[in-house]
C-alpha cells in the first residue's frame, strides 16, 4: 500500500532527508503553469520508459495536480520493486494551499 504524504510533511522530511526524489508526473503544459524546483519531470505516460531516472536507492515521492495520477504511478513503482514510494496527497493544488500560495492554480 502506497504511503500518503502531505506537502507540508514532505517539506519537513526533505529537509532531513535531502536525497528524497520528487517526481512530477504532470504534463509539460501543467508544469509550465506551476513548477516545483528540483522535481524530476516525468510525464505519467513516460514513466515505464524512464524508470532508470527514478533510482531505486532513493526515497521517491510522486506528485501530480491533485493526487490521482501520482497515486497510480506510485502503485506502479511499488509493483516494479521500488521500496520507498509515497504519493503527495492533494498534489500541486495542496502544495499551493499548504506551502506556497504564490503558485498559480489551474
PDB file of N, CA and C in Angstrom:
ATOM      1  N   UNK A   1       0.840  -1.189   0.000  1.00  0.00           N
ATOM      2  CA  UNK A   1       0.000   0.000   0.000  1.00  0.00           C
ATOM      3  C   UNK A   1       0.885   1.252   0.000  1.00  0.00           C
ATOM      4  N   UNK A   2       0.572   2.169  -0.871  1.00  0.00           N
ATOM      5  CA  UNK A   2       1.358   3.387  -1.029  1.00  0.00           C
ATOM      6  C   UNK A   2       1.124   4.327   0.150  1.00  0.00           C
ATOM      7  N   UNK A   3       2.208   4.831   0.674  1.00  0.00           N
ATOM      8  CA  UNK A   3       2.146   5.813   1.757  1.00  0.00           C
ATOM      9  C   UNK A   3       1.707   7.151   1.183  1.00  0.00           C
ATOM     10  N   UNK A   4       0.879   7.862   1.914  1.00  0.00           N
ATOM     11  CA  UNK A   4       0.455   9.208   1.539  1.00  0.00           C
ATOM     12  C   UNK A   4       1.247  10.207   2.376  1.00  0.00           C
ATOM     13  N   UNK A   5       1.649  11.314   1.750  1.00  0.00           N
ATOM     14  CA  UNK A   5       2.387  12.349   2.455  1.00  0.00           C
ATOM     15  C   UNK A   5       1.850  13.708   2.000  1.00  0.00           C
ATOM     16  N   UNK A   6       1.569  14.569   2.958  1.00  0.00           N
ATOM     17  CA  UNK A   6       1.074  15.905   2.621  1.00  0.00           C
ATOM     18  C   UNK A   6       2.250  16.769   2.174  1.00  0.00           C
ATOM     19  N   UNK A   7       1.983  17.852   1.470  1.00  0.00           N
ATOM     20  CA  UNK A   7       3.076  18.738   1.075  1.00  0.00           C
ATOM     21  C   UNK A   7       3.872  19.267   2.271  1.00  0.00           C
ATOM     22  N   UNK A   8       3.207  19.656   3.330  1.00  0.00           N
ATOM     23  CA  UNK A   8       3.945  20.171   4.489  1.00  0.00           C
ATOM     24  C   UNK A   8       4.791  19.080   5.138  1.00  0.00           C
ATOM     25  N   UNK A   9       4.288  17.845   5.175  1.00  0.00           N
ATOM     26  CA  UNK A   9       5.096  16.730   5.690  1.00  0.00           C
ATOM     27  C   UNK A   9       6.293  16.483   4.782  1.00  0.00           C
ATOM     28  N   UNK A  10       6.078  16.563   3.471  1.00  0.00           N
ATOM     29  CA  UNK A  10       7.172  16.366   2.525  1.00  0.00           C
ATOM     30  C   UNK A  10       8.282  17.397   2.754  1.00  0.00           C
ATOM     31  N   UNK A  11       7.904  18.651   2.924  1.00  0.00           N
ATOM     32  CA  UNK A  11       8.895  19.709   3.138  1.00  0.00           C
ATOM     33  C   UNK A  11       9.716  19.414   4.387  1.00  0.00           C
ATOM     34  N   UNK A  12       9.064  18.997   5.463  1.00  0.00           N
ATOM     35  CA  UNK A  12       9.786  18.658   6.703  1.00  0.00           C
ATOM     36  C   UNK A  12      10.704  17.459   6.491  1.00  0.00           C
ATOM     37  N   UNK A  13      10.202  16.406   5.859  1.00  0.00           N
ATOM     38  CA  UNK A  13      11.015  15.205   5.633  1.00  0.00           C
ATOM     39  C   UNK A  13      12.182  15.481   4.687  1.00  0.00           C
ATOM     40  N   UNK A  14      11.949  16.247   3.639  1.00  0.00           N
ATOM     41  CA  UNK A  14      13.001  16.525   2.666  1.00  0.00           C
ATOM     42  C   UNK A  14      14.139  17.320   3.301  1.00  0.00           C
ATOM     43  N   UNK A  15      13.818  18.124   4.311  1.00  0.00           N
ATOM     44  CA  UNK A  15      14.864  18.881   4.998  1.00  0.00           C
ATOM     45  C   UNK A  15      15.807  17.941   5.736  1.00  0.00           C
ATOM     46  N   UNK A  16      15.272  16.838   6.259  1.00  0.00           N
ATOM     47  CA  UNK A  16      16.111  15.892   6.995  1.00  0.00           C
ATOM     48  C   UNK A  16      16.611  14.749   6.110  1.00  0.00           C
ATOM     49  N   UNK A  17      16.006  14.558   4.939  1.00  0.00           N
ATOM     50  CA  UNK A  17      16.398  13.503   4.002  1.00  0.00           C
ATOM     51  C   UNK A  17      16.538  14.120   2.616  1.00  0.00           C
ATOM     52  N   UNK A  18      17.605  14.887   2.384  1.00  0.00           N
ATOM     53  CA  UNK A  18      17.722  15.590   1.100  1.00  0.00           C
ATOM     54  C   UNK A  18      17.827  14.688  -0.122  1.00  0.00           C
ATOM     55  N   UNK A  19      18.044  13.418   0.067  1.00  0.00           N
ATOM     56  CA  UNK A  19      18.150  12.509  -1.078  1.00  0.00           C
ATOM     57  C   UNK A  19      16.782  12.105  -1.627  1.00  0.00           C
ATOM     58  N   UNK A  20      15.705  12.528  -0.978  1.00  0.00           N
ATOM     59  CA  UNK A  20      14.370  12.197  -1.458  1.00  0.00           C
ATOM     60  C   UNK A  20      14.153  12.804  -2.842  1.00  0.00           C
ATOM     61  N   UNK A  21      13.620  12.001  -3.752  1.00  0.00           N
ATOM     62  CA  UNK A  21      13.375  12.443  -5.120  1.00  0.00           C
ATOM     63  C   UNK A  21      11.890  12.726  -5.299  1.00  0.00           C
ATOM     64  N   UNK A  22      11.563  13.949  -5.693  1.00  0.00           N
ATOM     65  CA  UNK A  22      10.197  14.333  -6.008  1.00  0.00           C
ATOM     66  C   UNK A  22      10.014  14.169  -7.515  1.00  0.00           C
ATOM     67  N   UNK A  23       9.065  13.327  -7.906  1.00  0.00           N
ATOM     68  CA  UNK A  23       8.811  13.045  -9.313  1.00  0.00           C
ATOM     69  C   UNK A  23       7.463  13.659  -9.699  1.00  0.00           C
ATOM     70  N   UNK A  24       7.504  14.581 -10.630  1.00  0.00           N
ATOM     71  CA  UNK A  24       6.317  15.286 -11.110  1.00  0.00           C
ATOM     72  C   UNK A  24       5.827  14.588 -12.370  1.00  0.00           C
ATOM     73  N   UNK A  25       4.648  13.952 -12.306  1.00  0.00           N
ATOM     74  CA  UNK A  25       4.143  13.178 -13.439  1.00  0.00           C
ATOM     75  C   UNK A  25       3.109  13.941 -14.269  1.00  0.00           C
ATOM     76  N   UNK A  26       3.013  15.250 -14.054  1.00  0.00           N
ATOM     77  CA  UNK A  26       2.089  16.057 -14.845  1.00  0.00           C
ATOM     78  C   UNK A  26       2.640  16.278 -16.257  1.00  0.00           C
ATOM     79  N   UNK A  27       1.765  16.738 -17.131  1.00  0.00           N
ATOM     80  CA  UNK A  27       2.176  17.069 -18.493  1.00  0.00           C
ATOM     81  C   UNK A  27       2.983  18.369 -18.483  1.00  0.00           C
ATOM     82  N   UNK A  28       3.750  18.583 -19.535  1.00  0.00           N
ATOM     83  CA  UNK A  28       4.617  19.760 -19.616  1.00  0.00           C
ATOM     84  C   UNK A  28       3.829  21.062 -19.492  1.00  0.00           C
ATOM     85  N   UNK A  29       2.651  21.130 -20.110  1.00  0.00           N
ATOM     86  CA  UNK A  29       1.867  22.367 -20.037  1.00  0.00           C
ATOM     87  C   UNK A  29       1.427  22.660 -18.605  1.00  0.00           C
ATOM     88  N   UNK A  30       1.177  21.618 -17.816  1.00  0.00           N
ATOM     89  CA  UNK A  30       0.794  21.812 -16.417  1.00  0.00           C
ATOM     90  C   UNK A  30       1.980  22.328 -15.608  1.00  0.00           C
ATOM     91  N   UNK A  31       3.119  21.726 -15.872  1.00  0.00           N
ATOM     92  CA  UNK A  31       4.337  22.125 -15.179  1.00  0.00           C
ATOM     93  C   UNK A  31       4.706  23.570 -15.515  1.00  0.00           C
ATOM     94  N   UNK A  32       4.422  24.001 -16.720  1.00  0.00           N
ATOM     95  CA  UNK A  32       4.703  25.378 -17.109  1.00  0.00           C
ATOM     96  C   UNK A  32       3.878  26.375 -16.289  1.00  0.00           C
ATOM     97  N   UNK A  33       2.712  25.963 -15.829  1.00  0.00           N
ATOM     98  CA  UNK A  33       1.851  26.838 -15.021  1.00  0.00           C
ATOM     99  C   UNK A  33       2.363  26.931 -13.590  1.00  0.00           C
ATOM    100  N   UNK A  34       2.724  25.800 -13.011  1.00  0.00           N
ATOM    101  CA  UNK A  34       3.169  25.764 -11.609  1.00  0.00           C
ATOM    102  C   UNK A  34       4.257  24.710 -11.484  1.00  0.00           C
ATOM    103  N   UNK A  35       5.483  25.171 -11.278  1.00  0.00           N
ATOM    104  CA  UNK A  35       6.642  24.282 -11.264  1.00  0.00           C
ATOM    105  C   UNK A  35       7.287  24.274  -9.887  1.00  0.00           C
ATOM    106  N   UNK A  36       7.686  23.085  -9.423  1.00  0.00           N
ATOM    107  CA  UNK A  36       8.455  22.973  -8.186  1.00  0.00           C
ATOM    108  C   UNK A  36       9.906  22.715  -8.551  1.00  0.00           C
ATOM    109  N   UNK A  37      10.776  23.619  -8.135  1.00  0.00           N
ATOM    110  CA  UNK A  37      12.201  23.480  -8.432  1.00  0.00           C
ATOM    111  C   UNK A  37      12.737  22.195  -7.802  1.00  0.00           C
ATOM    112  N   UNK A  38      13.581  21.521  -8.540  1.00  0.00           N
ATOM    113  CA  UNK A  38      14.215  20.313  -8.031  1.00  0.00           C
ATOM    114  C   UNK A  38      13.454  19.036  -8.311  1.00  0.00           C
ATOM    115  N   UNK A  39      12.208  19.149  -8.761  1.00  0.00           N
ATOM    116  CA  UNK A  39      11.429  17.947  -9.073  1.00  0.00           C
ATOM    117  C   UNK A  39      11.873  17.386 -10.422  1.00  0.00           C
ATOM    118  N   UNK A  40      11.899  16.061 -10.513  1.00  0.00           N
ATOM    119  CA  UNK A  40      12.181  15.386 -11.772  1.00  0.00           C
ATOM    120  C   UNK A  40      10.878  15.298 -12.546  1.00  0.00           C
ATOM    121  N   UNK A  41      10.845  15.871 -13.737  1.00  0.00           N
ATOM    122  CA  UNK A  41       9.625  15.853 -14.546  1.00  0.00           C
ATOM    123  C   UNK A  41       9.619  14.629 -15.447  1.00  0.00           C
ATOM    124  N   UNK A  42       8.687  13.711 -15.181  1.00  0.00           N
ATOM    125  CA  UNK A  42       8.499  12.510 -15.992  1.00  0.00           C
ATOM    126  C   UNK A  42       6.997  12.351 -16.200  1.00  0.00           C
ATOM    127  N   UNK A  43       6.468  12.820 -17.323  1.00  0.00           N
ATOM    128  CA  UNK A  43       5.032  12.673 -17.546  1.00  0.00           C
ATOM    129  C   UNK A  43       4.580  11.218 -17.353  1.00  0.00           C
ATOM    130  N   UNK A  44       3.397  11.059 -16.832  1.00  0.00           N
ATOM    131  CA  UNK A  44       2.883   9.732 -16.466  1.00  0.00           C
ATOM    132  C   UNK A  44       3.093   8.693 -17.569  1.00  0.00           C
ATOM    133  N   UNK A  45       2.787   9.040 -18.797  1.00  0.00           N
ATOM    134  CA  UNK A  45       2.904   8.077 -19.904  1.00  0.00           C
ATOM    135  C   UNK A  45       4.342   7.653 -20.168  1.00  0.00           C
ATOM    136  N   UNK A  46       5.313   8.444 -19.721  1.00  0.00           N
ATOM    137  CA  UNK A  46       6.720   8.139 -19.973  1.00  0.00           C
ATOM    138  C   UNK A  46       7.390   7.358 -18.840  1.00  0.00           C
ATOM    139  N   UNK A  47       6.696   7.166 -17.734  1.00  0.00           N
ATOM    140  CA  UNK A  47       7.311   6.525 -16.568  1.00  0.00           C
ATOM    141  C   UNK A  47       7.904   5.156 -16.895  1.00  0.00           C
ATOM    142  N   UNK A  48       7.183   4.241 -17.547  1.00  0.00           N
ATOM    143  CA  UNK A  48       7.781   2.920 -17.799  1.00  0.00           C
ATOM    144  C   UNK A  48       9.100   2.982 -18.576  1.00  0.00           C
ATOM    145  N   UNK A  49       9.206   3.898 -19.525  1.00  0.00           N
ATOM    146  CA  UNK A  49      10.419   4.001 -20.342  1.00  0.00           C
ATOM    147  C   UNK A  49      11.548   4.739 -19.622  1.00  0.00           C
ATOM    148  N   UNK A  50      11.226   5.430 -18.534  1.00  0.00           N
ATOM    149  CA  UNK A  50      12.232   6.251 -17.860  1.00  0.00           C
ATOM    150  C   UNK A  50      12.509   5.804 -16.426  1.00  0.00           C
ATOM    151  N   UNK A  51      12.240   4.547 -16.119  1.00  0.00           N
ATOM    152  CA  UNK A  51      12.452   4.040 -14.756  1.00  0.00           C
ATOM    153  C   UNK A  51      13.887   4.230 -14.280  1.00  0.00           C
ATOM    154  N   UNK A  52      14.843   4.142 -15.183  1.00  0.00           N
ATOM    155  CA  UNK A  52      16.247   4.274 -14.783  1.00  0.00           C
ATOM    156  C   UNK A  52      16.532   5.642 -14.164  1.00  0.00           C
ATOM    157  N   UNK A  53      15.768   6.661 -14.549  1.00  0.00           N
ATOM    158  CA  UNK A  53      15.958   8.005 -13.990  1.00  0.00           C
ATOM    159  C   UNK A  53      15.405   8.111 -12.562  1.00  0.00           C
ATOM    160  N   UNK A  54      14.519   7.200 -12.218  1.00  0.00           N
ATOM    161  CA  UNK A  54      13.900   7.203 -10.890  1.00  0.00           C
ATOM    162  C   UNK A  54      14.603   6.119 -10.082  1.00  0.00           C
ATOM    163  N   UNK A  55      15.739   6.460  -9.530  1.00  0.00           N
ATOM    164  CA  UNK A  55      16.582   5.480  -8.865  1.00  0.00           C
ATOM    165  C   UNK A  55      15.911   4.745  -7.723  1.00  0.00           C
ATOM    166  N   UNK A  56      16.154   3.474  -7.663  1.00  0.00           N
ATOM    167  CA  UNK A  56      15.574   2.627  -6.613  1.00  0.00           C
ATOM    168  C   UNK A  56      16.234   2.840  -5.256  1.00  0.00           C
ATOM    169  N   UNK A  57      17.406   3.477  -5.247  1.00  0.00           N
ATOM    170  CA  UNK A  57      18.152   3.646  -4.000  1.00  0.00           C
ATOM    171  C   UNK A  57      17.678   4.845  -3.183  1.00  0.00           C
ATOM    172  N   UNK A  58      16.780   5.642  -3.735  1.00  0.00           N
ATOM    173  CA  UNK A  58      16.304   6.849  -3.060  1.00  0.00           C
ATOM    174  C   UNK A  58      14.857   6.694  -2.621  1.00  0.00           C
ATOM    175  N   UNK A  59      14.470   7.515  -1.638  1.00  0.00           N
ATOM    176  CA  UNK A  59      13.055   7.652  -1.314  1.00  0.00           C
ATOM    177  C   UNK A  59      12.430   8.450  -2.450  1.00  0.00           C
ATOM    178  N   UNK A  60      11.249   8.036  -2.894  1.00  0.00           N
ATOM    179  CA  UNK A  60      10.578   8.684  -4.017  1.00  0.00           C
ATOM    180  C   UNK A  60       9.206   9.168  -3.571  1.00  0.00           C
ATOM    181  N   UNK A  61       8.902  10.424  -3.898  1.00  0.00           N
ATOM    182  CA  UNK A  61       7.575  10.990  -3.677  1.00  0.00           C
ATOM    183  C   UNK A  61       7.064  11.407  -5.046  1.00  0.00           C
ATOM    184  N   UNK A  62       5.860  10.940  -5.394  1.00  0.00           N
ATOM    185  CA  UNK A  62       5.287  11.205  -6.712  1.00  0.00           C
ATOM    186  C   UNK A  62       4.170  12.239  -6.561  1.00  0.00           C
ATOM    187  N   UNK A  63       4.141  13.203  -7.487  1.00  0.00           N
ATOM    188  CA  UNK A  63       3.128  14.252  -7.428  1.00  0.00           C
ATOM    189  C   UNK A  63       2.495  14.502  -8.786  1.00  0.00           C
ATOM    190  N   UNK A  64       1.276  15.023  -8.757  1.00  0.00           N
ATOM    191  CA  UNK A  64       0.581  15.472  -9.965  1.00  0.00           C
ATOM    192  C   UNK A  64      -0.242  16.708  -9.588  1.00  0.00           C
ATOM    193  N   UNK A  65      -1.352  16.943 -10.241  1.00  0.00           N
ATOM    194  CA  UNK A  65      -2.167  18.119  -9.936  1.00  0.00           C
ATOM    195  C   UNK A  65      -2.923  17.948  -8.623  1.00  0.00           C
ATOM    196  N   UNK A  66      -3.612  16.807  -8.471  1.00  0.00           N
ATOM    197  CA  UNK A  66      -4.449  16.637  -7.280  1.00  0.00           C
ATOM    198  C   UNK A  66      -4.226  15.325  -6.531  1.00  0.00           C
ATOM    199  N   UNK A  67      -3.376  14.458  -7.040  1.00  0.00           N
ATOM    200  CA  UNK A  67      -3.030  13.233  -6.323  1.00  0.00           C
ATOM    201  C   UNK A  67      -3.493  11.935  -6.940  1.00  0.00           C
ATOM    202  N   UNK A  68      -4.343  11.976  -7.947  1.00  0.00           N
ATOM    203  CA  UNK A  68      -4.854  10.745  -8.562  1.00  0.00           C
ATOM    204  C   UNK A  68      -3.860  10.049  -9.471  1.00  0.00           C
ATOM    205  N   UNK A  69      -3.309  10.787 -10.420  1.00  0.00           N
ATOM    206  CA  UNK A  69      -2.322  10.189 -11.329  1.00  0.00           C
ATOM    207  C   UNK A  69      -1.081   9.748 -10.573  1.00  0.00           C
ATOM    208  N   UNK A  70      -0.655  10.577  -9.629  1.00  0.00           N
ATOM    209  CA  UNK A  70       0.557  10.240  -8.876  1.00  0.00           C
ATOM    210  C   UNK A  70       0.359   8.984  -8.041  1.00  0.00           C
ATOM    211  N   UNK A  71      -0.833   8.767  -7.528  1.00  0.00           N
ATOM    212  CA  UNK A  71      -1.101   7.538  -6.779  1.00  0.00           C
ATOM    213  C   UNK A  71      -0.938   6.326  -7.692  1.00  0.00           C
ATOM    214  N   UNK A  72      -1.467   6.408  -8.911  1.00  0.00           N
ATOM    215  CA  UNK A  72      -1.326   5.294  -9.859  1.00  0.00           C
ATOM    216  C   UNK A  72       0.145   5.031 -10.187  1.00  0.00           C
ATOM    217  N   UNK A  73       0.909   6.101 -10.381  1.00  0.00           N
ATOM    218  CA  UNK A  73       2.337   5.939 -10.678  1.00  0.00           C
ATOM    219  C   UNK A  73       3.064   5.359  -9.470  1.00  0.00           C
ATOM    220  N   UNK A  74       2.742   5.823  -8.278  1.00  0.00           N
ATOM    221  CA  UNK A  74       3.373   5.288  -7.060  1.00  0.00           C
ATOM    222  C   UNK A  74       3.068   3.797  -6.914  1.00  0.00           C
ATOM    223  N   UNK A  75       1.838   3.400  -7.194  1.00  0.00           N
ATOM    224  CA  UNK A  75       1.483   1.979  -7.143  1.00  0.00           C
ATOM    225  C   UNK A  75       2.273   1.195  -8.188  1.00  0.00           C
ATOM    226  N   UNK A  76       2.430   1.760  -9.376  1.00  0.00           N
ATOM    227  CA  UNK A  76       3.208   1.123 -10.426  1.00  0.00           C
ATOM    228  C   UNK A  76       4.660   0.949  -9.984  1.00  0.00           C
ATOM    229  N   UNK A  77       5.243   1.997  -9.395  1.00  0.00           N
ATOM    230  CA  UNK A  77       6.630   1.906  -8.938  1.00  0.00           C
ATOM    231  C   UNK A  77       6.788   0.819  -7.879  1.00  0.00           C
ATOM    232  N   UNK A  78       5.849   0.754  -6.948  1.00  0.00           N
ATOM    233  CA  UNK A  78       5.912  -0.324  -5.947  1.00  0.00           C
ATOM    234  C   UNK A  78       5.854  -1.685  -6.616  1.00  0.00           C
ATOM    235  N   UNK A  79       5.000  -1.845  -7.619  1.00  0.00           N
ATOM    236  CA  UNK A  79       4.883  -3.119  -8.330  1.00  0.00           C
ATOM    237  C   UNK A  79       6.176  -3.455  -9.081  1.00  0.00           C
ATOM    238  N   UNK A  80       6.967  -2.434  -9.403  1.00  0.00           N
ATOM    239  CA  UNK A  80       8.241  -2.638 -10.083  1.00  0.00           C
ATOM    240  C   UNK A  80       9.378  -2.882  -9.095  1.00  0.00           C
ATOM    241  N   UNK A  81       9.067  -2.927  -7.802  1.00  0.00           N
ATOM    242  CA  UNK A  81      10.081  -3.242  -6.808  1.00  0.00           C
ATOM    243  C   UNK A  81      10.670  -2.068  -6.062  1.00  0.00           C
ATOM    244  N   UNK A  82      10.151  -0.877  -6.296  1.00  0.00           N
ATOM    245  CA  UNK A  82      10.628   0.281  -5.536  1.00  0.00           C
ATOM    246  C   UNK A  82      10.146   0.128  -4.093  1.00  0.00           C
ATOM    247  N   UNK A  83      11.056   0.344  -3.146  1.00  0.00           N
ATOM    248  CA  UNK A  83      10.741   0.062  -1.742  1.00  0.00           C
ATOM    249  C   UNK A  83      10.199   1.248  -0.968  1.00  0.00           C
ATOM    250  N   UNK A  84      10.634   2.447  -1.313  1.00  0.00           N
ATOM    251  CA  UNK A  84      10.247   3.620  -0.539  1.00  0.00           C
ATOM    252  C   UNK A  84       9.578   4.639  -1.449  1.00  0.00           C
ATOM    253  N   UNK A  85       8.266   4.479  -1.623  1.00  0.00           N
ATOM    254  CA  UNK A  85       7.487   5.328  -2.522  1.00  0.00           C
ATOM    255  C   UNK A  85       6.325   5.928  -1.753  1.00  0.00           C
ATOM    256  N   UNK A  86       6.056   7.202  -2.003  1.00  0.00           N
ATOM    257  CA  UNK A  86       4.910   7.869  -1.389  1.00  0.00           C
ATOM    258  C   UNK A  86       4.194   8.708  -2.434  1.00  0.00           C
ATOM    259  N   UNK A  87       2.930   8.972  -2.185  1.00  0.00           N
ATOM    260  CA  UNK A  87       2.115   9.832  -3.027  1.00  0.00           C
ATOM    261  C   UNK A  87       1.939  11.165  -2.320  1.00  0.00           C
ATOM    262  N   UNK A  88       2.152  12.274  -3.050  1.00  0.00           N
ATOM    263  CA  UNK A  88       1.932  13.598  -2.482  1.00  0.00           C
ATOM    264  C   UNK A  88       0.428  13.862  -2.496  1.00  0.00           C
ATOM    265  N   UNK A  89      -0.181  13.748  -1.335  1.00  0.00           N
ATOM    266  CA  UNK A  89      -1.622  13.903  -1.192  1.00  0.00           C
ATOM    267  C   UNK A  89      -2.070  15.296  -1.618  1.00  0.00           C
ATOM    268  N   UNK A  90      -3.015  15.346  -2.538  1.00  0.00           N
ATOM    269  CA  UNK A  90      -3.555  16.621  -2.979  1.00  0.00           C
ATOM    270  C   UNK A  90      -2.748  17.319  -4.048  1.00  0.00           C
ATOM    271  N   UNK A  91      -1.571  16.782  -4.381  1.00  0.00           N
ATOM    272  CA  UNK A  91      -0.754  17.288  -5.472  1.00  0.00           C
ATOM    273  C   UNK A  91      -0.367  18.751  -5.362  1.00  0.00           C
ATOM    274  N   UNK A  92      -0.163  19.368  -6.534  1.00  0.00           N
ATOM    275  CA  UNK A  92       0.285  20.760  -6.583  1.00  0.00           C
ATOM    276  C   UNK A  92      -0.777  21.695  -6.012  1.00  0.00           C
ATOM    277  N   UNK A  93      -2.039  21.295  -6.085  1.00  0.00           N
ATOM    278  CA  UNK A  93      -3.096  22.138  -5.509  1.00  0.00           C
ATOM    279  C   UNK A  93      -2.941  22.234  -3.992  1.00  0.00           C
ATOM    280  N   UNK A  94      -2.644  21.122  -3.351  1.00  0.00           N
ATOM    281  CA  UNK A  94      -2.418  21.130  -1.901  1.00  0.00           C
ATOM    282  C   UNK A  94      -1.114  21.858  -1.573  1.00  0.00           C
ATOM    283  N   UNK A  95      -0.110  21.718  -2.438  1.00  0.00           N
ATOM    284  CA  UNK A  95       1.163  22.418  -2.224  1.00  0.00           C
ATOM    285  C   UNK A  95       0.911  23.925  -2.192  1.00  0.00           C
ATOM    286  N   UNK A  96       0.101  24.382  -3.128  1.00  0.00           N
ATOM    287  CA  UNK A  96      -0.212  25.807  -3.195  1.00  0.00           C
ATOM    288  C   UNK A  96      -0.925  26.259  -1.912  1.00  0.00           C
ATOM    289  N   UNK A  97      -1.829  25.450  -1.401  1.00  0.00           N
ATOM    290  CA  UNK A  97      -2.564  25.793  -0.169  1.00  0.00           C
ATOM    291  C   UNK A  97      -1.675  25.726   1.069  1.00  0.00           C
ATOM    292  N   UNK A  98      -0.833  24.692   1.173  1.00  0.00           N
ATOM    293  CA  UNK A  98      -0.079  24.428   2.399  1.00  0.00           C
ATOM    294  C   UNK A  98       1.312  25.049   2.450  1.00  0.00           C
ATOM    295  N   UNK A  99       1.958  25.168   1.307  1.00  0.00           N
ATOM    296  CA  UNK A  99       3.375  25.530   1.299  1.00  0.00           C
ATOM    297  C   UNK A  99       3.643  26.856   0.594  1.00  0.00           C
ATOM    298  N   UNK A 100       3.114  27.032  -0.612  1.00  0.00           N
ATOM    299  CA  UNK A 100       3.470  28.206  -1.411  1.00  0.00           C
ATOM    300  C   UNK A 100       2.247  28.795  -2.105  1.00  0.00           C
ATOM    301  N   UNK A 101       1.554  29.723  -1.433  1.00  0.00           N
ATOM    302  CA  UNK A 101       0.358  30.313  -2.023  1.00  0.00           C
ATOM    303  C   UNK A 101       0.632  31.157  -3.275  1.00  0.00           C
ATOM    304  N   UNK A 102       1.898  31.422  -3.580  1.00  0.00           N
ATOM    305  CA  UNK A 102       2.206  32.222  -4.775  1.00  0.00           C
ATOM    306  C   UNK A 102       2.126  31.390  -6.053  1.00  0.00           C
ATOM    307  N   UNK A 103       2.061  30.070  -5.934  1.00  0.00           N
ATOM    308  CA  UNK A 103       1.945  29.222  -7.131  1.00  0.00           C
ATOM    309  C   UNK A 103       0.595  29.427  -7.794  1.00  0.00           C
ATOM    310  N   UNK A 104       0.611  29.441  -9.115  1.00  0.00           N
ATOM    311  CA  UNK A 104      -0.642  29.537  -9.874  1.00  0.00           C
ATOM    312  C   UNK A 104      -1.423  28.240  -9.748  1.00  0.00           C
ATOM    313  N   UNK A 105      -2.719  28.345  -9.800  1.00  0.00           N
ATOM    314  CA  UNK A 105      -3.561  27.137  -9.802  1.00  0.00           C
ATOM    315  C   UNK A 105      -4.257  27.034 -11.157  1.00  0.00           C
ATOM    316  N   UNK A 106      -4.658  25.828 -11.477  1.00  0.00           N
ATOM    317  CA  UNK A 106      -5.341  25.601 -12.746  1.00  0.00           C
ATOM    318  C   UNK A 106      -6.327  24.466 -12.594  1.00  0.00           C
TER     319      UNK A 106
END
